[in-house]
Amino acid sequence: IIFGNLIGQRIGEMDGMLYVDFIMPGLVMMSIITNSYTNVVSSFYGAKYSRHIEEMQIAPVPDIVILLGFMTGGVVRGISVGIAVTLVSLLFTEFSVHNPLIVLLVALLTSCLFALAGLINAIFANSFDDITIIPTFVLTPLTYLGGIFYSIKLLPEFWQQVSLGNPILYMVNSFRYGFRGTSDIDLLTAIIVILVFIALLFSVSLTLLARGTGIRQ
């Protein structure tokens, strides 16, 4: 209501579309990112705090199965909330999907990535305060600077280049392309960047679980 209607009426159009239509994919993506992350970081740290995770590791369950289980939980919650936010957005914007396969692919990949990021945060967390530091001081600023509310084409050249270092920019723009057919980033480049981060975080997560980092110490 605030960004789409009140502010949007004064901004007018962005990238040739109504402002509310421009920000809708970004708001959906923000909900996917936040919920995928918080689901895993809270559930894994809760299991670690209650020492339930130790029972999992003692049992004849491969670390990759534990990893995939927590990741799947994050993906399911992220996608579920994303769908709910999309349905609510229908009250304020016209629903149109340029490429449904891209929408689904980017949503799944992004939720996987941040589920893994949440797992790594939970592994290193030593208190409940530790699981809020990254979302508050890292994730939230990167999200708001990830092109949700503006096109980076509006920025000076220097800041456009700086923005390219924000991985969330690639997720938001590829997701927006799926809905609206417009993006500040090349679609293939965006998907490759997301896949690289997933591979990196998956490897790190699996290694940390295998070593028992933050669990057996």
N, C-alpha and C. Protein backbone atom coordinates (compact mmCIF):
# COMPACT_ATOMS: atom_id res chain seq x y z
N ILE A 1 0.83 -1.20 0.00
CA ILE A 1 0.00 0.00 0.00
C ILE A 1 0.87 1.25 0.00
N ILE A 2 1.87 1.30 0.90
CA ILE A 2 2.72 2.49 1.02
C ILE A 2 3.56 2.69 -0.24
N PHE A 3 4.34 1.65 -0.62
CA PHE A 3 5.22 1.79 -1.77
C PHE A 3 4.46 1.75 -3.09
N GLY A 4 3.50 0.85 -3.19
CA GLY A 4 2.81 0.67 -4.46
C GLY A 4 1.84 1.78 -4.78
N ASN A 5 1.01 2.16 -3.82
CA ASN A 5 -0.04 3.14 -4.09
C ASN A 5 0.38 4.57 -3.74
N LEU A 6 0.74 4.81 -2.48
CA LEU A 6 1.04 6.17 -2.05
C LEU A 6 2.27 6.73 -2.74
N ILE A 7 3.39 5.99 -2.66
CA ILE A 7 4.62 6.47 -3.30
C ILE A 7 4.54 6.27 -4.80
N GLY A 8 3.96 5.15 -5.23
CA GLY A 8 3.89 4.85 -6.65
C GLY A 8 3.13 5.89 -7.45
N GLN A 9 2.09 6.49 -6.86
CA GLN A 9 1.32 7.51 -7.56
C GLN A 9 2.17 8.74 -7.85
N ARG A 10 3.16 9.01 -7.02
CA ARG A 10 4.02 10.17 -7.21
C ARG A 10 5.20 9.85 -8.11
N ILE A 11 5.63 8.61 -8.11
CA ILE A 11 6.76 8.22 -8.96
C ILE A 11 6.31 8.03 -10.40
N GLY A 12 5.11 7.47 -10.57
CA GLY A 12 4.62 7.23 -11.93
C GLY A 12 5.09 5.89 -12.45
N GLU A 13 5.88 5.91 -13.52
CA GLU A 13 6.32 4.67 -14.15
C GLU A 13 7.80 4.39 -13.87
N MET A 14 8.14 3.12 -13.93
CA MET A 14 9.52 2.67 -13.79
C MET A 14 9.74 1.59 -14.83
N ASP A 15 10.71 1.79 -15.70
CA ASP A 15 10.99 0.84 -16.79
C ASP A 15 9.76 0.61 -17.67
N GLY A 16 8.98 1.67 -17.88
CA GLY A 16 7.84 1.57 -18.78
C GLY A 16 6.61 0.91 -18.21
N MET A 17 6.56 0.74 -16.89
CA MET A 17 5.38 0.12 -16.25
C MET A 17 5.04 0.89 -14.99
N LEU A 18 3.83 0.70 -14.50
CA LEU A 18 3.44 1.32 -13.24
C LEU A 18 4.39 0.88 -12.13
N TYR A 19 4.66 1.79 -11.20
CA TYR A 19 5.62 1.49 -10.14
C TYR A 19 5.19 0.28 -9.33
N VAL A 20 3.89 0.16 -9.05
CA VAL A 20 3.41 -0.98 -8.27
C VAL A 20 3.66 -2.29 -9.02
N ASP A 21 3.56 -2.26 -10.35
CA ASP A 21 3.85 -3.45 -11.14
C ASP A 21 5.34 -3.76 -11.14
N PHE A 22 6.16 -2.70 -11.07
CA PHE A 22 7.61 -2.88 -11.07
C PHE A 22 8.10 -3.53 -9.79
N ILE A 23 7.57 -3.08 -8.65
CA ILE A 23 8.09 -3.58 -7.37
C ILE A 23 7.49 -4.91 -6.95
N MET A 24 6.36 -5.31 -7.53
CA MET A 24 5.69 -6.53 -7.09
C MET A 24 6.60 -7.76 -7.11
N PRO A 25 7.31 -8.06 -8.21
CA PRO A 25 8.19 -9.24 -8.19
C PRO A 25 9.26 -9.16 -7.13
N GLY A 26 9.79 -7.95 -6.89
CA GLY A 26 10.82 -7.79 -5.87
C GLY A 26 10.30 -8.06 -4.48
N LEU A 27 9.08 -7.63 -4.20
CA LEU A 27 8.50 -7.87 -2.88
C LEU A 27 8.23 -9.35 -2.65
N VAL A 28 7.81 -10.04 -3.71
CA VAL A 28 7.62 -11.49 -3.60
C VAL A 28 8.95 -12.17 -3.36
N MET A 29 9.99 -11.74 -4.10
CA MET A 29 11.31 -12.32 -3.92
C MET A 29 11.84 -12.05 -2.51
N MET A 30 11.60 -10.87 -1.97
CA MET A 30 12.05 -10.55 -0.63
C MET A 30 11.42 -11.49 0.39
N SER A 31 10.15 -11.81 0.22
CA SER A 31 9.49 -12.74 1.14
C SER A 31 10.06 -14.15 1.01
N ILE A 32 10.41 -14.55 -0.20
CA ILE A 32 11.01 -15.87 -0.41
C ILE A 32 12.37 -15.94 0.27
N ILE A 33 13.18 -14.91 0.07
CA ILE A 33 14.51 -14.86 0.67
C ILE A 33 14.42 -14.92 2.20
N THR A 34 13.61 -14.05 2.76
CA THR A 34 13.51 -13.94 4.22
C THR A 34 13.01 -15.23 4.86
N ASN A 35 11.97 -15.81 4.30
CA ASN A 35 11.38 -17.00 4.92
C ASN A 35 12.20 -18.26 4.70
N SER A 36 12.85 -18.39 3.56
CA SER A 36 13.74 -19.53 3.35
C SER A 36 14.87 -19.51 4.36
N TYR A 37 15.41 -18.32 4.57
CA TYR A 37 16.53 -18.16 5.49
C TYR A 37 16.11 -18.40 6.94
N THR A 38 15.07 -17.69 7.37
CA THR A 38 14.69 -17.77 8.78
C THR A 38 14.17 -19.14 9.16
N ASN A 39 13.53 -19.85 8.24
CA ASN A 39 13.04 -21.19 8.55
C ASN A 39 14.18 -22.12 8.93
N VAL A 40 15.24 -22.10 8.13
CA VAL A 40 16.35 -23.03 8.37
C VAL A 40 17.20 -22.58 9.55
N VAL A 41 17.50 -21.29 9.63
CA VAL A 41 18.37 -20.84 10.71
C VAL A 41 17.72 -21.07 12.07
N SER A 42 16.41 -20.89 12.16
CA SER A 42 15.73 -21.10 13.44
C SER A 42 15.54 -22.57 13.76
N SER A 43 15.17 -23.37 12.76
CA SER A 43 14.92 -24.80 13.02
C SER A 43 16.23 -25.54 13.30
N PHE A 44 17.29 -25.22 12.57
CA PHE A 44 18.56 -25.92 12.81
C PHE A 44 19.16 -25.50 14.15
N TYR A 45 19.13 -24.20 14.44
CA TYR A 45 19.69 -23.78 15.73
C TYR A 45 18.85 -24.32 16.88
N GLY A 46 17.54 -24.40 16.68
CA GLY A 46 16.69 -24.99 17.71
C GLY A 46 17.05 -26.45 17.96
N ALA A 47 17.33 -27.18 16.87
CA ALA A 47 17.73 -28.58 17.00
C ALA A 47 19.10 -28.69 17.66
N LYS A 48 19.97 -27.74 17.35
CA LYS A 48 21.30 -27.74 17.97
C LYS A 48 21.21 -27.37 19.45
N TYR A 49 20.37 -26.41 19.77
CA TYR A 49 20.22 -25.95 21.15
C TYR A 49 19.65 -27.06 22.03
N SER A 50 18.71 -27.83 21.50
CA SER A 50 18.10 -28.93 22.26
C SER A 50 18.89 -30.23 22.13
N ARG A 51 20.00 -30.16 21.37
CA ARG A 51 20.88 -31.31 21.11
C ARG A 51 20.20 -32.41 20.30
N HIS A 52 19.12 -32.06 19.66
CA HIS A 52 18.45 -33.02 18.79
C HIS A 52 19.28 -33.33 17.55
N ILE A 53 20.06 -32.34 17.12
CA ILE A 53 20.89 -32.53 15.92
C ILE A 53 21.96 -33.58 16.15
N GLU A 54 22.41 -33.73 17.41
CA GLU A 54 23.42 -34.74 17.73
C GLU A 54 22.85 -36.14 17.51
N GLU A 55 21.58 -36.32 17.83
CA GLU A 55 20.95 -37.62 17.61
C GLU A 55 20.90 -37.94 16.12
N MET A 56 20.67 -36.92 15.30
CA MET A 56 20.65 -37.14 13.86
C MET A 56 22.01 -37.59 13.35
N GLN A 57 23.07 -36.96 13.90
CA GLN A 57 24.41 -37.28 13.41
C GLN A 57 24.89 -38.63 13.93
N ILE A 58 24.41 -39.04 15.08
CA ILE A 58 24.79 -40.36 15.60
C ILE A 58 24.08 -41.45 14.82
N ALA A 59 22.85 -41.18 14.43
CA ALA A 59 22.07 -42.16 13.65
C ALA A 59 22.73 -42.39 12.29
N PRO A 60 22.48 -43.55 11.69
CA PRO A 60 23.08 -43.86 10.38
C PRO A 60 22.41 -43.08 9.24
N VAL A 61 22.44 -41.76 9.38
CA VAL A 61 21.86 -40.89 8.35
C VAL A 61 22.98 -40.07 7.74
N PRO A 62 23.19 -40.16 6.45
CA PRO A 62 24.26 -39.38 5.80
C PRO A 62 24.07 -37.88 6.02
N ASP A 63 25.18 -37.17 6.12
CA ASP A 63 25.10 -35.72 6.32
C ASP A 63 24.35 -35.03 5.19
N ILE A 64 24.49 -35.56 3.99
CA ILE A 64 23.81 -34.93 2.85
C ILE A 64 22.29 -35.04 2.97
N VAL A 65 21.81 -36.11 3.61
CA VAL A 65 20.37 -36.27 3.82
C VAL A 65 19.87 -35.23 4.84
N ILE A 66 20.65 -35.03 5.91
CA ILE A 66 20.30 -34.00 6.89
C ILE A 66 20.27 -32.64 6.23
N LEU A 67 21.30 -32.38 5.42
CA LEU A 67 21.38 -31.10 4.72
C LEU A 67 20.19 -30.88 3.80
N LEU A 68 19.87 -31.89 3.01
CA LEU A 68 18.75 -31.78 2.07
C LEU A 68 17.42 -31.64 2.80
N GLY A 69 17.31 -32.28 3.96
CA GLY A 69 16.08 -32.19 4.73
C GLY A 69 15.81 -30.77 5.21
N PHE A 70 16.83 -30.15 5.81
CA PHE A 70 16.66 -28.77 6.27
C PHE A 70 16.47 -27.82 5.10
N MET A 71 17.22 -28.04 4.02
CA MET A 71 17.11 -27.18 2.85
C MET A 71 15.71 -27.26 2.25
N THR A 72 15.16 -28.47 2.19
CA THR A 72 13.81 -28.64 1.64
C THR A 72 12.77 -27.91 2.48
N GLY A 73 12.94 -27.97 3.80
CA GLY A 73 12.03 -27.25 4.68
C GLY A 73 12.04 -25.75 4.40
N GLY A 74 13.25 -25.21 4.20
CA GLY A 74 13.37 -23.79 3.89
C GLY A 74 12.74 -23.44 2.55
N VAL A 75 12.94 -24.33 1.57
CA VAL A 75 12.38 -24.10 0.23
C VAL A 75 10.85 -24.11 0.28
N VAL A 76 10.29 -25.08 0.98
CA VAL A 76 8.83 -25.19 1.07
C VAL A 76 8.23 -23.95 1.72
N ARG A 77 8.84 -23.50 2.81
CA ARG A 77 8.30 -22.30 3.48
C ARG A 77 8.47 -21.07 2.60
N GLY A 78 9.65 -20.93 1.99
CA GLY A 78 9.89 -19.77 1.14
C GLY A 78 8.92 -19.68 -0.02
N ILE A 79 8.72 -20.80 -0.71
CA ILE A 79 7.81 -20.83 -1.86
C ILE A 79 6.37 -20.61 -1.41
N SER A 80 6.00 -21.21 -0.28
CA SER A 80 4.62 -21.06 0.23
C SER A 80 4.30 -19.60 0.54
N VAL A 81 5.22 -18.94 1.23
CA VAL A 81 5.00 -17.53 1.56
C VAL A 81 5.04 -16.68 0.29
N GLY A 82 5.92 -17.03 -0.65
CA GLY A 82 5.98 -16.31 -1.91
C GLY A 82 4.66 -16.38 -2.66
N ILE A 83 4.04 -17.55 -2.67
CA ILE A 83 2.74 -17.71 -3.32
C ILE A 83 1.68 -16.86 -2.61
N ALA A 84 1.73 -16.86 -1.27
CA ALA A 84 0.76 -16.07 -0.50
C ALA A 84 0.90 -14.58 -0.79
N VAL A 85 2.14 -14.10 -0.85
CA VAL A 85 2.38 -12.68 -1.14
C VAL A 85 1.93 -12.35 -2.56
N THR A 86 2.15 -13.27 -3.49
CA THR A 86 1.70 -13.05 -4.87
C THR A 86 0.19 -12.91 -4.93
N LEU A 87 -0.52 -13.76 -4.19
CA LEU A 87 -1.98 -13.70 -4.18
C LEU A 87 -2.48 -12.38 -3.58
N VAL A 88 -1.82 -11.93 -2.52
CA VAL A 88 -2.20 -10.65 -1.90
C VAL A 88 -1.94 -9.50 -2.87
N SER A 89 -0.85 -9.60 -3.64
CA SER A 89 -0.50 -8.52 -4.58
C SER A 89 -1.55 -8.34 -5.67
N LEU A 90 -2.36 -9.37 -5.90
CA LEU A 90 -3.41 -9.27 -6.92
C LEU A 90 -4.43 -8.19 -6.58
N LEU A 91 -4.48 -7.80 -5.30
CA LEU A 91 -5.40 -6.75 -4.89
C LEU A 91 -4.92 -5.38 -5.35
N PHE A 92 -3.62 -5.28 -5.67
CA PHE A 92 -3.04 -3.97 -5.98
C PHE A 92 -2.45 -3.87 -7.37
N THR A 93 -2.22 -4.98 -8.03
CA THR A 93 -1.56 -4.94 -9.33
C THR A 93 -2.16 -5.97 -10.27
N GLU A 94 -2.00 -5.74 -11.55
CA GLU A 94 -2.49 -6.69 -12.54
C GLU A 94 -1.55 -7.88 -12.62
N PHE A 95 -2.10 -9.08 -12.58
CA PHE A 95 -1.28 -10.29 -12.60
C PHE A 95 -0.93 -10.66 -14.04
N SER A 96 0.35 -10.74 -14.31
CA SER A 96 0.80 -11.19 -15.62
C SER A 96 2.14 -11.87 -15.46
N VAL A 97 2.35 -12.95 -16.19
CA VAL A 97 3.60 -13.71 -16.12
C VAL A 97 4.17 -13.81 -17.52
N HIS A 98 5.35 -13.25 -17.69
CA HIS A 98 6.01 -13.27 -19.00
C HIS A 98 6.55 -14.66 -19.32
N ASN A 99 7.19 -15.29 -18.32
CA ASN A 99 7.77 -16.62 -18.51
C ASN A 99 7.64 -17.41 -17.21
N PRO A 100 6.60 -18.23 -17.07
CA PRO A 100 6.37 -18.95 -15.80
C PRO A 100 7.51 -19.89 -15.42
N LEU A 101 8.21 -20.45 -16.40
CA LEU A 101 9.32 -21.35 -16.09
C LEU A 101 10.46 -20.60 -15.40
N ILE A 102 10.73 -19.38 -15.85
CA ILE A 102 11.76 -18.57 -15.21
C ILE A 102 11.34 -18.19 -13.80
N VAL A 103 10.08 -17.84 -13.62
CA VAL A 103 9.57 -17.51 -12.29
C VAL A 103 9.77 -18.67 -11.33
N LEU A 104 9.38 -19.86 -11.76
CA LEU A 104 9.51 -21.05 -10.91
C LEU A 104 10.96 -21.40 -10.65
N LEU A 105 11.79 -21.35 -11.70
CA LEU A 105 13.21 -21.70 -11.56
C LEU A 105 13.92 -20.77 -10.60
N VAL A 106 13.75 -19.47 -10.79
CA VAL A 106 14.44 -18.50 -9.94
C VAL A 106 13.94 -18.58 -8.50
N ALA A 107 12.65 -18.79 -8.31
CA ALA A 107 12.11 -18.92 -6.95
C ALA A 107 12.71 -20.13 -6.24
N LEU A 108 12.79 -21.25 -6.94
CA LEU A 108 13.35 -22.47 -6.34
C LEU A 108 14.84 -22.30 -6.04
N LEU A 109 15.58 -21.75 -7.00
CA LEU A 109 17.03 -21.58 -6.81
C LEU A 109 17.32 -20.61 -5.67
N THR A 110 16.58 -19.52 -5.62
CA THR A 110 16.80 -18.52 -4.57
C THR A 110 16.47 -19.08 -3.20
N SER A 111 15.38 -19.80 -3.09
CA SER A 111 15.01 -20.38 -1.79
C SER A 111 16.04 -21.43 -1.36
N CYS A 112 16.58 -22.19 -2.30
CA CYS A 112 17.65 -23.15 -1.98
C CYS A 112 18.88 -22.42 -1.45
N LEU A 113 19.25 -21.34 -2.13
CA LEU A 113 20.45 -20.59 -1.76
C LEU A 113 20.34 -20.04 -0.34
N PHE A 114 19.22 -19.43 -0.03
CA PHE A 114 19.10 -18.80 1.29
C PHE A 114 18.76 -19.80 2.39
N ALA A 115 18.22 -20.94 2.03
CA ALA A 115 18.09 -22.02 3.01
C ALA A 115 19.47 -22.50 3.43
N LEU A 116 20.37 -22.63 2.46
CA LEU A 116 21.75 -23.03 2.75
C LEU A 116 22.47 -21.96 3.57
N ALA A 117 22.25 -20.70 3.22
CA ALA A 117 22.87 -19.61 3.98
C ALA A 117 22.37 -19.61 5.42
N GLY A 118 21.09 -19.87 5.62
CA GLY A 118 20.55 -19.95 6.97
C GLY A 118 21.15 -21.09 7.76
N LEU A 119 21.41 -22.20 7.09
CA LEU A 119 22.02 -23.36 7.75
C LEU A 119 23.42 -23.03 8.23
N ILE A 120 24.20 -22.35 7.40
CA ILE A 120 25.56 -21.98 7.78
C ILE A 120 25.54 -21.02 8.96
N ASN A 121 24.62 -20.06 8.95
CA ASN A 121 24.47 -19.14 10.07
C ASN A 121 24.16 -19.90 11.35
N ALA A 122 23.26 -20.87 11.27
CA ALA A 122 22.86 -21.65 12.45
C ALA A 122 24.01 -22.51 12.97
N ILE A 123 24.82 -23.03 12.06
CA ILE A 123 25.95 -23.87 12.47
C ILE A 123 26.93 -23.08 13.34
N PHE A 124 27.19 -21.83 12.95
CA PHE A 124 28.17 -21.02 13.69
C PHE A 124 27.55 -20.27 14.86
N ALA A 125 26.22 -20.21 14.95
CA ALA A 125 25.56 -19.46 16.01
C ALA A 125 25.77 -20.11 17.37
N ASN A 126 26.04 -19.28 18.37
CA ASN A 126 26.20 -19.76 19.73
C ASN A 126 25.08 -19.31 20.66
N SER A 127 24.20 -18.47 20.13
CA SER A 127 23.06 -17.99 20.92
C SER A 127 21.95 -17.60 19.96
N PHE A 128 20.77 -17.38 20.52
CA PHE A 128 19.65 -16.97 19.67
C PHE A 128 19.89 -15.58 19.08
N ASP A 129 20.69 -14.76 19.76
CA ASP A 129 21.02 -13.45 19.21
C ASP A 129 21.85 -13.58 17.94
N ASP A 130 22.68 -14.62 17.88
CA ASP A 130 23.56 -14.80 16.72
C ASP A 130 22.78 -15.10 15.44
N ILE A 131 21.59 -15.66 15.57
CA ILE A 131 20.84 -16.00 14.36
C ILE A 131 20.05 -14.81 13.82
N THR A 132 20.12 -13.67 14.53
CA THR A 132 19.44 -12.47 14.04
C THR A 132 20.41 -11.43 13.49
N ILE A 133 21.70 -11.61 13.74
CA ILE A 133 22.68 -10.61 13.31
C ILE A 133 22.76 -10.51 11.80
N ILE A 134 22.93 -11.67 11.14
CA ILE A 134 23.06 -11.67 9.68
C ILE A 134 21.80 -11.15 8.99
N PRO A 135 20.61 -11.64 9.35
CA PRO A 135 19.40 -11.09 8.71
C PRO A 135 19.23 -9.59 8.92
N THR A 136 19.58 -9.10 10.11
CA THR A 136 19.36 -7.69 10.42
C THR A 136 20.38 -6.77 9.76
N PHE A 137 21.66 -7.13 9.86
CA PHE A 137 22.72 -6.21 9.45
C PHE A 137 23.34 -6.54 8.09
N VAL A 138 23.02 -7.68 7.52
CA VAL A 138 23.57 -8.05 6.21
C VAL A 138 22.46 -8.28 5.20
N LEU A 139 21.56 -9.19 5.53
CA LEU A 139 20.52 -9.60 4.57
C LEU A 139 19.55 -8.46 4.24
N THR A 140 19.08 -7.76 5.26
CA THR A 140 18.12 -6.68 5.02
C THR A 140 18.70 -5.55 4.17
N PRO A 141 19.90 -5.03 4.50
CA PRO A 141 20.47 -3.99 3.63
C PRO A 141 20.69 -4.45 2.19
N LEU A 142 21.21 -5.67 2.01
CA LEU A 142 21.44 -6.18 0.66
C LEU A 142 20.13 -6.32 -0.10
N THR A 143 19.08 -6.71 0.62
CA THR A 143 17.77 -6.86 -0.03
C THR A 143 17.24 -5.53 -0.52
N TYR A 144 17.30 -4.52 0.34
CA TYR A 144 16.78 -3.20 -0.05
C TYR A 144 17.64 -2.53 -1.11
N LEU A 145 18.92 -2.91 -1.19
CA LEU A 145 19.81 -2.36 -2.21
C LEU A 145 19.90 -3.27 -3.43
N GLY A 146 19.01 -4.27 -3.49
CA GLY A 146 19.06 -5.26 -4.57
C GLY A 146 18.15 -4.96 -5.75
N GLY A 147 17.69 -3.72 -5.87
CA GLY A 147 16.88 -3.35 -7.03
C GLY A 147 15.41 -3.66 -6.89
N ILE A 148 14.95 -3.87 -5.66
CA ILE A 148 13.52 -4.14 -5.47
C ILE A 148 12.69 -2.90 -5.77
N PHE A 149 13.13 -1.76 -5.26
CA PHE A 149 12.34 -0.54 -5.35
C PHE A 149 12.80 0.42 -6.44
N TYR A 150 13.83 0.07 -7.17
CA TYR A 150 14.35 0.96 -8.21
C TYR A 150 15.13 0.15 -9.24
N SER A 151 15.29 0.76 -10.40
CA SER A 151 16.14 0.18 -11.44
C SER A 151 17.55 0.74 -11.27
N ILE A 152 18.56 -0.11 -11.35
CA ILE A 152 19.93 0.40 -11.18
C ILE A 152 20.33 1.31 -12.33
N LYS A 153 19.53 1.34 -13.39
CA LYS A 153 19.82 2.26 -14.50
C LYS A 153 19.68 3.71 -14.05
N LEU A 154 18.99 3.94 -12.94
CA LEU A 154 18.82 5.29 -12.41
C LEU A 154 20.05 5.76 -11.66
N LEU A 155 20.94 4.83 -11.32
CA LEU A 155 22.13 5.17 -10.54
C LEU A 155 23.25 5.68 -11.44
N PRO A 156 24.17 6.48 -10.87
CA PRO A 156 25.37 6.84 -11.63
C PRO A 156 26.17 5.59 -12.00
N GLU A 157 26.99 5.69 -13.02
CA GLU A 157 27.72 4.54 -13.53
C GLU A 157 28.51 3.82 -12.44
N PHE A 158 29.17 4.59 -11.57
CA PHE A 158 29.98 3.99 -10.51
C PHE A 158 29.13 3.11 -9.61
N TRP A 159 27.98 3.62 -9.20
CA TRP A 159 27.13 2.86 -8.28
C TRP A 159 26.42 1.71 -8.97
N GLN A 160 26.25 1.81 -10.28
CA GLN A 160 25.74 0.66 -11.03
C GLN A 160 26.72 -0.50 -10.94
N GLN A 161 28.00 -0.18 -11.09
CA GLN A 161 29.03 -1.22 -11.02
C GLN A 161 29.13 -1.80 -9.61
N VAL A 162 28.99 -0.94 -8.61
CA VAL A 162 29.02 -1.42 -7.22
C VAL A 162 27.84 -2.34 -6.96
N SER A 163 26.68 -2.00 -7.50
CA SER A 163 25.47 -2.81 -7.31
C SER A 163 25.62 -4.21 -7.88
N LEU A 164 26.45 -4.35 -8.90
CA LEU A 164 26.64 -5.66 -9.51
C LEU A 164 27.31 -6.65 -8.56
N GLY A 165 27.89 -6.14 -7.47
CA GLY A 165 28.49 -7.02 -6.47
C GLY A 165 27.48 -7.56 -5.47
N ASN A 166 26.24 -7.13 -5.58
CA ASN A 166 25.17 -7.59 -4.68
C ASN A 166 24.47 -8.79 -5.31
N PRO A 167 24.63 -9.98 -4.77
CA PRO A 167 24.02 -11.17 -5.39
C PRO A 167 22.49 -11.12 -5.45
N ILE A 168 21.87 -10.40 -4.52
CA ILE A 168 20.41 -10.33 -4.51
C ILE A 168 19.89 -9.58 -5.74
N LEU A 169 20.71 -8.69 -6.28
CA LEU A 169 20.32 -7.96 -7.49
C LEU A 169 20.01 -8.92 -8.63
N TYR A 170 20.80 -9.99 -8.75
CA TYR A 170 20.62 -10.95 -9.83
C TYR A 170 19.32 -11.75 -9.64
N MET A 171 19.00 -12.05 -8.40
CA MET A 171 17.79 -12.82 -8.12
C MET A 171 16.54 -11.98 -8.38
N VAL A 172 16.56 -10.75 -7.90
CA VAL A 172 15.41 -9.86 -8.07
C VAL A 172 15.15 -9.59 -9.55
N ASN A 173 16.22 -9.30 -10.30
CA ASN A 173 16.04 -8.94 -11.70
C ASN A 173 15.63 -10.13 -12.56
N SER A 174 16.19 -11.30 -12.30
CA SER A 174 15.79 -12.48 -13.08
C SER A 174 14.34 -12.86 -12.75
N PHE A 175 13.95 -12.67 -11.49
CA PHE A 175 12.57 -12.94 -11.09
C PHE A 175 11.62 -11.94 -11.74
N ARG A 176 12.05 -10.67 -11.78
CA ARG A 176 11.23 -9.64 -12.43
C ARG A 176 11.09 -9.93 -13.92
N TYR A 177 12.16 -10.45 -14.52
CA TYR A 177 12.07 -10.81 -15.94
C TYR A 177 11.00 -11.88 -16.15
N GLY A 178 10.93 -12.85 -15.25
CA GLY A 178 9.93 -13.89 -15.38
C GLY A 178 8.51 -13.35 -15.35
N PHE A 179 8.29 -12.31 -14.53
CA PHE A 179 6.96 -11.71 -14.43
C PHE A 179 6.70 -10.67 -15.51
N ARG A 180 7.66 -9.76 -15.70
CA ARG A 180 7.41 -8.58 -16.52
C ARG A 180 8.18 -8.55 -17.84
N GLY A 181 9.17 -9.43 -18.00
CA GLY A 181 9.93 -9.44 -19.25
C GLY A 181 10.97 -8.36 -19.33
N THR A 182 11.31 -7.74 -18.20
CA THR A 182 12.32 -6.69 -18.18
C THR A 182 13.31 -6.95 -17.06
N SER A 183 14.58 -6.61 -17.30
CA SER A 183 15.62 -6.87 -16.30
C SER A 183 16.81 -5.95 -16.55
N ASP A 184 17.47 -5.54 -15.48
CA ASP A 184 18.69 -4.74 -15.60
C ASP A 184 19.91 -5.63 -15.82
N ILE A 185 19.75 -6.93 -15.62
CA ILE A 185 20.86 -7.89 -15.70
C ILE A 185 20.55 -8.93 -16.77
N ASP A 186 21.58 -9.36 -17.48
CA ASP A 186 21.39 -10.44 -18.44
C ASP A 186 20.88 -11.69 -17.72
N LEU A 187 19.84 -12.30 -18.25
CA LEU A 187 19.17 -13.41 -17.57
C LEU A 187 20.11 -14.59 -17.35
N LEU A 188 20.86 -14.97 -18.37
CA LEU A 188 21.76 -16.12 -18.24
C LEU A 188 22.83 -15.85 -17.19
N THR A 189 23.37 -14.63 -17.20
CA THR A 189 24.37 -14.26 -16.20
C THR A 189 23.80 -14.36 -14.80
N ALA A 190 22.57 -13.89 -14.62
CA ALA A 190 21.94 -13.93 -13.31
C ALA A 190 21.77 -15.36 -12.80
N ILE A 191 21.32 -16.25 -13.67
CA ILE A 191 21.10 -17.64 -13.26
C ILE A 191 22.43 -18.33 -12.95
N ILE A 192 23.46 -18.03 -13.74
CA ILE A 192 24.78 -18.61 -13.48
C ILE A 192 25.30 -18.16 -12.12
N VAL A 193 25.14 -16.88 -11.81
CA VAL A 193 25.59 -16.35 -10.52
C VAL A 193 24.87 -17.07 -9.37
N ILE A 194 23.57 -17.25 -9.50
CA ILE A 194 22.80 -17.94 -8.46
C ILE A 194 23.29 -19.38 -8.29
N LEU A 195 23.51 -20.07 -9.40
CA LEU A 195 23.97 -21.46 -9.35
C LEU A 195 25.35 -21.57 -8.71
N VAL A 196 26.22 -20.62 -9.01
CA VAL A 196 27.57 -20.63 -8.42
C VAL A 196 27.48 -20.48 -6.90
N PHE A 197 26.64 -19.56 -6.43
CA PHE A 197 26.49 -19.37 -4.99
C PHE A 197 25.87 -20.60 -4.33
N ILE A 198 24.93 -21.25 -5.00
CA ILE A 198 24.33 -22.46 -4.45
C ILE A 198 25.38 -23.55 -4.30
N ALA A 199 26.19 -23.75 -5.35
CA ALA A 199 27.23 -24.78 -5.31
C ALA A 199 28.23 -24.50 -4.19
N LEU A 200 28.59 -23.23 -4.04
CA LEU A 200 29.54 -22.85 -3.00
C LEU A 200 28.97 -23.09 -1.61
N LEU A 201 27.77 -22.61 -1.35
CA LEU A 201 27.16 -22.76 -0.03
C LEU A 201 26.83 -24.21 0.28
N PHE A 202 26.44 -24.98 -0.73
CA PHE A 202 26.15 -26.40 -0.52
C PHE A 202 27.42 -27.13 -0.09
N SER A 203 28.53 -26.84 -0.76
CA SER A 203 29.80 -27.49 -0.42
C SER A 203 30.25 -27.11 0.99
N VAL A 204 30.13 -25.82 1.32
CA VAL A 204 30.52 -25.36 2.65
C VAL A 204 29.63 -26.00 3.72
N SER A 205 28.34 -26.03 3.49
CA SER A 205 27.40 -26.61 4.46
C SER A 205 27.69 -28.09 4.71
N LEU A 206 27.91 -28.82 3.63
CA LEU A 206 28.17 -30.25 3.75
C LEU A 206 29.47 -30.51 4.49
N THR A 207 30.49 -29.70 4.20
CA THR A 207 31.78 -29.84 4.87
C THR A 207 31.65 -29.55 6.36
N LEU A 208 30.93 -28.51 6.71
CA LEU A 208 30.74 -28.15 8.12
C LEU A 208 29.98 -29.23 8.88
N LEU A 209 28.97 -29.81 8.25
CA LEU A 209 28.22 -30.89 8.89
C LEU A 209 29.10 -32.12 9.08
N ALA A 210 29.91 -32.43 8.08
CA ALA A 210 30.78 -33.60 8.17
C ALA A 210 31.81 -33.44 9.29
N ARG A 211 32.28 -32.22 9.49
CA ARG A 211 33.27 -31.96 10.54
C ARG A 211 32.62 -31.80 11.91
N GLY A 212 31.32 -31.61 11.93
CA GLY A 212 30.65 -31.39 13.20
C GLY A 212 30.90 -30.01 13.76
N THR A 213 31.24 -29.07 12.89
CA THR A 213 31.52 -27.70 13.31
C THR A 213 30.31 -27.10 14.02
N GLY A 214 30.56 -26.53 15.20
CA GLY A 214 29.49 -25.90 15.95
C GLY A 214 28.52 -26.87 16.60
N ILE A 215 28.77 -28.17 16.42
CA ILE A 215 27.86 -29.18 16.98
C ILE A 215 28.57 -30.04 18.00
N ARG A 216 29.74 -30.53 17.62
CA ARG A 216 30.47 -31.46 18.49
C ARG A 216 31.44 -30.76 19.43
N GLN A 217 31.72 -29.45 19.16
CA GLN A 217 32.65 -28.77 20.04
C GLN A 217 31.98 -28.48 21.38
